[in-house]
Amino acid sequence: MKQTKLMLHHSLTEDSGTVSWSAIRRYHRHTKGWNDIGYNWGIELAGDEYEVLLGRPTNGPGAHCKEANMNHLALSVCFVGNFDKTPPTPAHVEVFRERIWLPIAVEQFGLVPGDIVFHRDFSPWKSCPGTAFTRQYLSAFIAGLAV
């Protein structure tokens, strides 16, 4: 399986500064009945720093967007927080760029800025990764991203 996209999501929950990744994993496993959390990575505020948290391994399908076979075609990142009213902080997006986008998506998987997709691109009834999290906002952090 070769992933050709990187899909961005948000948790739609407020980031409280405590690790809620395990709560998201429990929800996916016990409420949804999945075998693991749906995403490959999460980024959330833990104390006073944003941390990248591991989710599903990249060598198998995700459980984040069934439309257009995206569970198989896209790696996935969940930004913990609700970005329907305000975008993620610059620090949140910088951690994404420096710890996931450049070293993993670009260097390991050969993805380019045009390979970044939003969940709402495939599930238009969702706002994910948040209506305030736009390509224009993301383009300030990812060189070459079309808006």
N, C-alpha and C. Protein backbone atom coordinates (compact mmCIF):
# COMPACT_ATOMS: atom_id res chain seq x y z
N MET A 1 0.84 -1.18 0.00
CA MET A 1 0.00 0.00 0.00
C MET A 1 0.89 1.24 0.00
N LYS A 2 0.67 2.11 -0.96
CA LYS A 2 1.43 3.35 -1.03
C LYS A 2 0.48 4.52 -0.84
N GLN A 3 0.71 5.26 0.23
CA GLN A 3 -0.10 6.44 0.47
C GLN A 3 0.42 7.59 -0.40
N THR A 4 -0.52 8.26 -1.04
CA THR A 4 -0.17 9.34 -1.98
C THR A 4 -0.70 10.69 -1.53
N LYS A 5 -1.33 10.74 -0.37
CA LYS A 5 -1.90 11.97 0.18
C LYS A 5 -1.60 12.05 1.67
N LEU A 6 -1.71 13.25 2.20
CA LEU A 6 -1.64 13.47 3.64
C LEU A 6 -2.89 14.26 4.00
N MET A 7 -3.78 13.64 4.76
CA MET A 7 -5.06 14.25 5.10
C MET A 7 -5.00 14.87 6.49
N LEU A 8 -5.49 16.12 6.58
CA LEU A 8 -5.52 16.83 7.85
C LEU A 8 -6.92 16.79 8.45
N HIS A 9 -6.94 16.60 9.77
CA HIS A 9 -8.17 16.52 10.56
C HIS A 9 -8.02 17.40 11.79
N HIS A 10 -9.14 17.65 12.47
CA HIS A 10 -9.09 18.19 13.82
C HIS A 10 -9.98 17.33 14.70
N SER A 11 -9.70 17.35 16.00
CA SER A 11 -10.45 16.49 16.92
C SER A 11 -11.82 17.04 17.24
N LEU A 12 -12.04 18.32 17.00
CA LEU A 12 -13.29 19.01 17.30
C LEU A 12 -13.51 19.12 18.81
N THR A 13 -12.47 18.82 19.57
CA THR A 13 -12.51 18.97 21.03
C THR A 13 -11.53 20.07 21.41
N GLU A 14 -11.80 20.73 22.49
CA GLU A 14 -10.87 21.76 22.95
C GLU A 14 -9.60 21.09 23.45
N ASP A 15 -8.45 21.67 23.10
CA ASP A 15 -7.17 21.17 23.60
C ASP A 15 -6.94 21.80 24.96
N SER A 16 -6.94 20.97 25.99
CA SER A 16 -6.87 21.48 27.35
C SER A 16 -5.45 21.60 27.88
N GLY A 17 -4.46 21.22 27.10
CA GLY A 17 -3.09 21.26 27.58
C GLY A 17 -2.70 19.98 28.29
N THR A 18 -3.63 19.04 28.38
CA THR A 18 -3.31 17.72 28.92
C THR A 18 -3.48 16.73 27.79
N VAL A 19 -2.82 15.63 27.88
CA VAL A 19 -2.83 14.66 26.78
C VAL A 19 -4.21 14.00 26.67
N SER A 20 -4.91 14.30 25.60
CA SER A 20 -6.22 13.68 25.36
C SER A 20 -6.16 12.65 24.24
N TRP A 21 -4.96 12.44 23.69
CA TRP A 21 -4.78 11.46 22.61
C TRP A 21 -5.27 10.09 23.04
N SER A 22 -4.99 9.71 24.29
CA SER A 22 -5.44 8.39 24.77
C SER A 22 -6.96 8.35 24.86
N ALA A 23 -7.60 9.47 25.17
CA ALA A 23 -9.07 9.50 25.20
C ALA A 23 -9.64 9.34 23.78
N ILE A 24 -9.00 9.95 22.80
CA ILE A 24 -9.43 9.80 21.41
C ILE A 24 -9.25 8.34 20.99
N ARG A 25 -8.11 7.74 21.36
CA ARG A 25 -7.87 6.33 21.05
C ARG A 25 -8.95 5.45 21.70
N ARG A 26 -9.25 5.68 22.97
CA ARG A 26 -10.28 4.88 23.64
C ARG A 26 -11.63 5.05 22.94
N TYR A 27 -11.98 6.27 22.56
CA TYR A 27 -13.25 6.51 21.87
C TYR A 27 -13.30 5.72 20.55
N HIS A 28 -12.22 5.77 19.78
CA HIS A 28 -12.21 5.04 18.51
C HIS A 28 -12.28 3.53 18.74
N ARG A 29 -11.60 3.03 19.75
CA ARG A 29 -11.57 1.58 19.99
C ARG A 29 -12.86 1.09 20.64
N HIS A 30 -13.29 1.76 21.69
CA HIS A 30 -14.40 1.22 22.48
C HIS A 30 -15.77 1.69 22.03
N THR A 31 -15.88 2.91 21.54
CA THR A 31 -17.17 3.41 21.08
C THR A 31 -17.41 3.08 19.62
N LYS A 32 -16.40 3.31 18.79
CA LYS A 32 -16.55 3.04 17.36
C LYS A 32 -16.26 1.58 17.01
N GLY A 33 -15.55 0.87 17.89
CA GLY A 33 -15.25 -0.54 17.65
C GLY A 33 -14.08 -0.79 16.72
N TRP A 34 -13.25 0.22 16.50
CA TRP A 34 -12.10 0.06 15.63
C TRP A 34 -10.96 -0.61 16.41
N ASN A 35 -9.98 -1.13 15.69
CA ASN A 35 -8.87 -1.82 16.37
C ASN A 35 -7.81 -0.86 16.90
N ASP A 36 -7.87 0.41 16.54
CA ASP A 36 -6.92 1.41 17.03
C ASP A 36 -7.48 2.79 16.72
N ILE A 37 -6.76 3.81 17.13
CA ILE A 37 -7.12 5.18 16.77
C ILE A 37 -7.10 5.29 15.25
N GLY A 38 -7.87 6.17 14.69
CA GLY A 38 -8.01 6.24 13.24
C GLY A 38 -6.87 6.91 12.50
N TYR A 39 -6.07 7.73 13.20
CA TYR A 39 -5.05 8.57 12.57
C TYR A 39 -3.65 8.00 12.75
N ASN A 40 -2.74 8.42 11.88
CA ASN A 40 -1.34 8.04 12.03
C ASN A 40 -0.62 8.86 13.09
N TRP A 41 -0.96 10.14 13.18
CA TRP A 41 -0.33 11.03 14.15
C TRP A 41 -1.35 12.01 14.69
N GLY A 42 -1.06 12.49 15.88
CA GLY A 42 -1.81 13.58 16.47
C GLY A 42 -0.84 14.64 16.94
N ILE A 43 -1.29 15.87 16.96
CA ILE A 43 -0.47 16.96 17.48
C ILE A 43 -1.32 17.70 18.50
N GLU A 44 -0.83 17.74 19.73
CA GLU A 44 -1.59 18.43 20.75
C GLU A 44 -0.68 19.09 21.77
N LEU A 45 -1.25 20.04 22.47
CA LEU A 45 -0.54 20.76 23.51
C LEU A 45 -0.45 19.86 24.73
N ALA A 46 0.75 19.59 25.18
CA ALA A 46 0.99 18.81 26.40
C ALA A 46 1.82 19.69 27.31
N GLY A 47 1.18 20.25 28.31
CA GLY A 47 1.86 21.25 29.14
C GLY A 47 1.97 22.54 28.37
N ASP A 48 3.21 22.96 28.10
CA ASP A 48 3.39 24.21 27.37
C ASP A 48 4.03 24.02 26.00
N GLU A 49 4.08 22.77 25.52
CA GLU A 49 4.65 22.49 24.20
C GLU A 49 3.74 21.57 23.40
N TYR A 50 3.75 21.76 22.10
CA TYR A 50 3.02 20.85 21.23
C TYR A 50 3.84 19.60 21.01
N GLU A 51 3.17 18.46 21.09
CA GLU A 51 3.82 17.17 20.93
C GLU A 51 3.18 16.41 19.79
N VAL A 52 3.99 15.61 19.10
CA VAL A 52 3.49 14.68 18.09
C VAL A 52 3.28 13.34 18.77
N LEU A 53 2.10 12.80 18.63
CA LEU A 53 1.75 11.54 19.26
C LEU A 53 1.49 10.50 18.18
N LEU A 54 1.92 9.29 18.42
CA LEU A 54 1.78 8.23 17.43
C LEU A 54 0.40 7.61 17.47
N GLY A 55 -0.09 7.30 16.30
CA GLY A 55 -1.36 6.61 16.15
C GLY A 55 -1.11 5.28 15.44
N ARG A 56 -1.87 5.04 14.39
CA ARG A 56 -1.73 3.79 13.62
C ARG A 56 -0.40 3.75 12.88
N PRO A 57 0.13 2.55 12.69
CA PRO A 57 1.34 2.43 11.86
C PRO A 57 1.02 2.85 10.42
N THR A 58 2.03 3.29 9.70
CA THR A 58 1.83 3.76 8.33
C THR A 58 1.80 2.63 7.31
N ASN A 59 2.06 1.41 7.73
CA ASN A 59 2.09 0.30 6.76
C ASN A 59 0.74 -0.39 6.60
N GLY A 60 -0.31 0.20 7.14
CA GLY A 60 -1.65 -0.36 6.99
C GLY A 60 -2.64 0.76 6.79
N PRO A 61 -3.91 0.41 6.57
CA PRO A 61 -4.92 1.44 6.34
C PRO A 61 -5.26 2.21 7.62
N GLY A 62 -5.70 3.44 7.43
CA GLY A 62 -6.19 4.23 8.54
C GLY A 62 -7.68 4.00 8.73
N ALA A 63 -8.27 4.79 9.61
CA ALA A 63 -9.72 4.77 9.81
C ALA A 63 -10.14 6.21 10.05
N HIS A 64 -9.93 7.04 9.04
CA HIS A 64 -10.15 8.47 9.20
C HIS A 64 -11.04 9.07 8.12
N CYS A 65 -11.16 8.40 6.98
CA CYS A 65 -12.01 8.91 5.90
C CYS A 65 -12.24 7.80 4.89
N LYS A 66 -13.43 7.19 4.94
CA LYS A 66 -13.70 6.06 4.05
C LYS A 66 -14.00 6.50 2.61
N GLU A 67 -14.40 7.77 2.45
CA GLU A 67 -14.73 8.26 1.10
C GLU A 67 -13.50 8.23 0.21
N ALA A 68 -13.72 7.87 -1.05
CA ALA A 68 -12.69 7.85 -2.10
C ALA A 68 -11.48 6.98 -1.72
N ASN A 69 -11.71 5.99 -0.86
CA ASN A 69 -10.66 5.06 -0.45
C ASN A 69 -9.51 5.76 0.29
N MET A 70 -9.81 6.89 0.92
CA MET A 70 -8.77 7.68 1.58
C MET A 70 -8.14 6.97 2.78
N ASN A 71 -8.85 6.03 3.40
CA ASN A 71 -8.22 5.27 4.49
C ASN A 71 -6.98 4.52 3.99
N HIS A 72 -6.99 4.15 2.73
CA HIS A 72 -5.85 3.44 2.13
C HIS A 72 -4.88 4.37 1.42
N LEU A 73 -5.38 5.47 0.88
CA LEU A 73 -4.55 6.34 0.05
C LEU A 73 -3.89 7.50 0.80
N ALA A 74 -4.35 7.78 2.01
CA ALA A 74 -3.85 8.97 2.71
C ALA A 74 -3.31 8.63 4.09
N LEU A 75 -2.16 9.17 4.39
CA LEU A 75 -1.69 9.25 5.76
C LEU A 75 -2.56 10.29 6.45
N SER A 76 -2.62 10.27 7.78
CA SER A 76 -3.52 11.22 8.43
C SER A 76 -2.91 11.81 9.69
N VAL A 77 -3.21 13.10 9.87
CA VAL A 77 -2.77 13.85 11.04
C VAL A 77 -3.99 14.50 11.66
N CYS A 78 -4.15 14.33 12.97
CA CYS A 78 -5.23 14.99 13.69
C CYS A 78 -4.63 16.09 14.56
N PHE A 79 -5.01 17.33 14.27
CA PHE A 79 -4.65 18.46 15.11
C PHE A 79 -5.67 18.48 16.25
N VAL A 80 -5.22 18.25 17.47
CA VAL A 80 -6.15 18.24 18.59
C VAL A 80 -6.58 19.67 18.87
N GLY A 81 -7.88 19.89 18.82
CA GLY A 81 -8.48 21.20 19.02
C GLY A 81 -9.68 21.36 18.12
N ASN A 82 -10.40 22.44 18.32
CA ASN A 82 -11.55 22.77 17.49
C ASN A 82 -11.20 24.02 16.70
N PHE A 83 -11.04 23.88 15.40
CA PHE A 83 -10.60 24.98 14.56
C PHE A 83 -11.71 25.50 13.65
N ASP A 84 -12.93 25.41 14.15
CA ASP A 84 -14.06 26.01 13.43
C ASP A 84 -14.14 27.52 13.66
N LYS A 85 -13.62 28.00 14.77
CA LYS A 85 -13.69 29.44 15.07
C LYS A 85 -12.36 30.14 14.89
N THR A 86 -11.29 29.51 15.26
CA THR A 86 -9.95 30.08 15.10
C THR A 86 -9.03 29.01 14.55
N PRO A 87 -8.01 29.39 13.79
CA PRO A 87 -7.08 28.38 13.26
C PRO A 87 -6.16 27.89 14.37
N PRO A 88 -5.45 26.80 14.11
CA PRO A 88 -4.46 26.36 15.09
C PRO A 88 -3.40 27.44 15.26
N THR A 89 -2.72 27.43 16.38
CA THR A 89 -1.68 28.44 16.60
C THR A 89 -0.53 28.20 15.63
N PRO A 90 0.25 29.23 15.36
CA PRO A 90 1.44 29.02 14.53
C PRO A 90 2.35 27.91 15.08
N ALA A 91 2.49 27.83 16.39
CA ALA A 91 3.34 26.78 16.98
C ALA A 91 2.79 25.39 16.67
N HIS A 92 1.48 25.24 16.68
CA HIS A 92 0.83 23.96 16.37
C HIS A 92 1.20 23.53 14.94
N VAL A 93 1.08 24.46 14.00
CA VAL A 93 1.35 24.15 12.60
C VAL A 93 2.85 23.99 12.35
N GLU A 94 3.67 24.75 13.05
CA GLU A 94 5.12 24.60 12.90
C GLU A 94 5.59 23.22 13.35
N VAL A 95 5.00 22.68 14.40
CA VAL A 95 5.33 21.31 14.83
C VAL A 95 4.93 20.32 13.74
N PHE A 96 3.78 20.53 13.13
CA PHE A 96 3.38 19.68 12.00
C PHE A 96 4.42 19.73 10.89
N ARG A 97 4.81 20.94 10.51
CA ARG A 97 5.78 21.10 9.41
C ARG A 97 7.12 20.46 9.76
N GLU A 98 7.63 20.72 10.94
CA GLU A 98 8.99 20.29 11.30
C GLU A 98 9.10 18.84 11.72
N ARG A 99 8.01 18.23 12.20
CA ARG A 99 8.11 16.86 12.72
C ARG A 99 7.35 15.82 11.90
N ILE A 100 6.42 16.29 11.07
CA ILE A 100 5.67 15.33 10.23
C ILE A 100 5.85 15.66 8.76
N TRP A 101 5.51 16.87 8.34
CA TRP A 101 5.53 17.20 6.92
C TRP A 101 6.92 16.98 6.30
N LEU A 102 7.92 17.69 6.78
CA LEU A 102 9.24 17.61 6.13
C LEU A 102 9.93 16.27 6.34
N PRO A 103 10.09 15.77 7.56
CA PRO A 103 10.86 14.54 7.72
C PRO A 103 10.13 13.26 7.31
N ILE A 104 8.81 13.24 7.40
CA ILE A 104 8.09 11.99 7.11
C ILE A 104 7.38 12.06 5.75
N ALA A 105 6.47 13.01 5.60
CA ALA A 105 5.67 13.07 4.37
C ALA A 105 6.55 13.34 3.16
N VAL A 106 7.46 14.31 3.27
CA VAL A 106 8.30 14.67 2.12
C VAL A 106 9.46 13.68 1.96
N GLU A 107 10.27 13.53 3.00
CA GLU A 107 11.49 12.72 2.87
C GLU A 107 11.21 11.23 2.76
N GLN A 108 10.30 10.69 3.56
CA GLN A 108 10.06 9.24 3.55
C GLN A 108 9.04 8.81 2.50
N PHE A 109 7.99 9.61 2.31
CA PHE A 109 6.91 9.21 1.41
C PHE A 109 6.93 9.93 0.08
N GLY A 110 7.79 10.94 -0.09
CA GLY A 110 7.91 11.64 -1.36
C GLY A 110 6.72 12.51 -1.72
N LEU A 111 5.97 12.96 -0.72
CA LEU A 111 4.81 13.80 -1.00
C LEU A 111 5.23 15.24 -1.29
N VAL A 112 4.37 15.95 -1.98
CA VAL A 112 4.59 17.35 -2.33
C VAL A 112 3.42 18.16 -1.77
N PRO A 113 3.54 19.49 -1.70
CA PRO A 113 2.46 20.29 -1.11
C PRO A 113 1.08 20.01 -1.70
N GLY A 114 0.99 19.72 -2.97
CA GLY A 114 -0.30 19.42 -3.59
C GLY A 114 -0.93 18.13 -3.10
N ASP A 115 -0.17 17.33 -2.36
CA ASP A 115 -0.69 16.08 -1.81
C ASP A 115 -1.37 16.26 -0.46
N ILE A 116 -1.31 17.47 0.09
CA ILE A 116 -2.01 17.73 1.36
C ILE A 116 -3.48 17.96 1.05
N VAL A 117 -4.33 17.20 1.71
CA VAL A 117 -5.78 17.34 1.53
C VAL A 117 -6.44 17.52 2.90
N PHE A 118 -7.62 18.09 2.87
CA PHE A 118 -8.41 18.26 4.08
C PHE A 118 -9.52 17.21 4.09
N HIS A 119 -9.91 16.77 5.26
CA HIS A 119 -10.99 15.80 5.37
C HIS A 119 -12.25 16.30 4.67
N ARG A 120 -12.55 17.60 4.80
CA ARG A 120 -13.76 18.15 4.19
C ARG A 120 -13.73 18.11 2.66
N ASP A 121 -12.55 17.94 2.07
CA ASP A 121 -12.47 17.80 0.61
C ASP A 121 -13.20 16.54 0.14
N PHE A 122 -13.26 15.54 0.99
CA PHE A 122 -13.86 14.25 0.63
C PHE A 122 -15.16 14.00 1.38
N SER A 123 -15.38 14.70 2.47
CA SER A 123 -16.60 14.60 3.27
C SER A 123 -17.13 16.02 3.47
N PRO A 124 -17.78 16.59 2.45
CA PRO A 124 -18.15 18.00 2.49
C PRO A 124 -19.16 18.36 3.58
N TRP A 125 -19.80 17.40 4.19
CA TRP A 125 -20.72 17.69 5.29
C TRP A 125 -19.96 17.91 6.59
N LYS A 126 -18.64 17.72 6.56
CA LYS A 126 -17.79 17.97 7.73
C LYS A 126 -17.00 19.25 7.52
N SER A 127 -16.63 19.90 8.61
CA SER A 127 -15.80 21.10 8.53
C SER A 127 -14.33 20.76 8.66
N CYS A 128 -14.02 19.57 8.98
CA CYS A 128 -12.67 19.09 9.32
C CYS A 128 -11.62 19.44 8.25
N PRO A 129 -10.53 20.04 8.62
CA PRO A 129 -9.95 20.26 9.94
C PRO A 129 -10.36 21.58 10.59
N GLY A 130 -11.54 22.06 10.30
CA GLY A 130 -12.05 23.29 10.90
C GLY A 130 -12.20 24.38 9.86
N THR A 131 -13.29 25.10 9.92
CA THR A 131 -13.55 26.13 8.92
C THR A 131 -12.54 27.28 8.99
N ALA A 132 -11.92 27.49 10.14
CA ALA A 132 -10.91 28.55 10.25
C ALA A 132 -9.51 28.05 9.88
N PHE A 133 -9.38 26.76 9.68
CA PHE A 133 -8.10 26.17 9.25
C PHE A 133 -8.19 26.03 7.73
N THR A 134 -7.66 27.02 7.03
CA THR A 134 -7.79 27.09 5.58
C THR A 134 -6.46 26.80 4.89
N ARG A 135 -6.53 26.53 3.61
CA ARG A 135 -5.30 26.35 2.83
C ARG A 135 -4.48 27.65 2.81
N GLN A 136 -5.17 28.78 2.77
CA GLN A 136 -4.46 30.06 2.80
C GLN A 136 -3.64 30.18 4.08
N TYR A 137 -4.23 29.83 5.21
CA TYR A 137 -3.51 29.88 6.48
C TYR A 137 -2.34 28.90 6.46
N LEU A 138 -2.58 27.68 6.01
CA LEU A 138 -1.54 26.65 5.97
C LEU A 138 -0.41 27.02 5.02
N SER A 139 -0.73 27.76 3.96
CA SER A 139 0.30 28.11 2.96
C SER A 139 1.39 29.00 3.54
N ALA A 140 1.13 29.67 4.65
CA ALA A 140 2.17 30.48 5.30
C ALA A 140 3.25 29.59 5.92
N PHE A 141 2.96 28.32 6.09
CA PHE A 141 3.88 27.38 6.74
C PHE A 141 4.44 26.35 5.77
N ILE A 142 3.73 26.06 4.70
CA ILE A 142 4.12 25.02 3.74
C ILE A 142 4.40 25.69 2.39
N ALA A 143 5.66 25.79 2.04
CA ALA A 143 6.06 26.41 0.77
C ALA A 143 5.46 25.63 -0.40
N GLY A 144 4.90 26.35 -1.34
CA GLY A 144 4.38 25.73 -2.56
C GLY A 144 2.96 25.24 -2.47
N LEU A 145 2.30 25.42 -1.33
CA LEU A 145 0.93 24.98 -1.20
C LEU A 145 0.00 25.94 -1.93
N ALA A 146 -0.76 25.42 -2.86
CA ALA A 146 -1.73 26.25 -3.61
C ALA A 146 -2.92 26.56 -2.73
N VAL A 147 -3.44 27.78 -2.86
CA VAL A 147 -4.60 28.16 -2.04
C VAL A 147 -5.86 28.26 -2.86
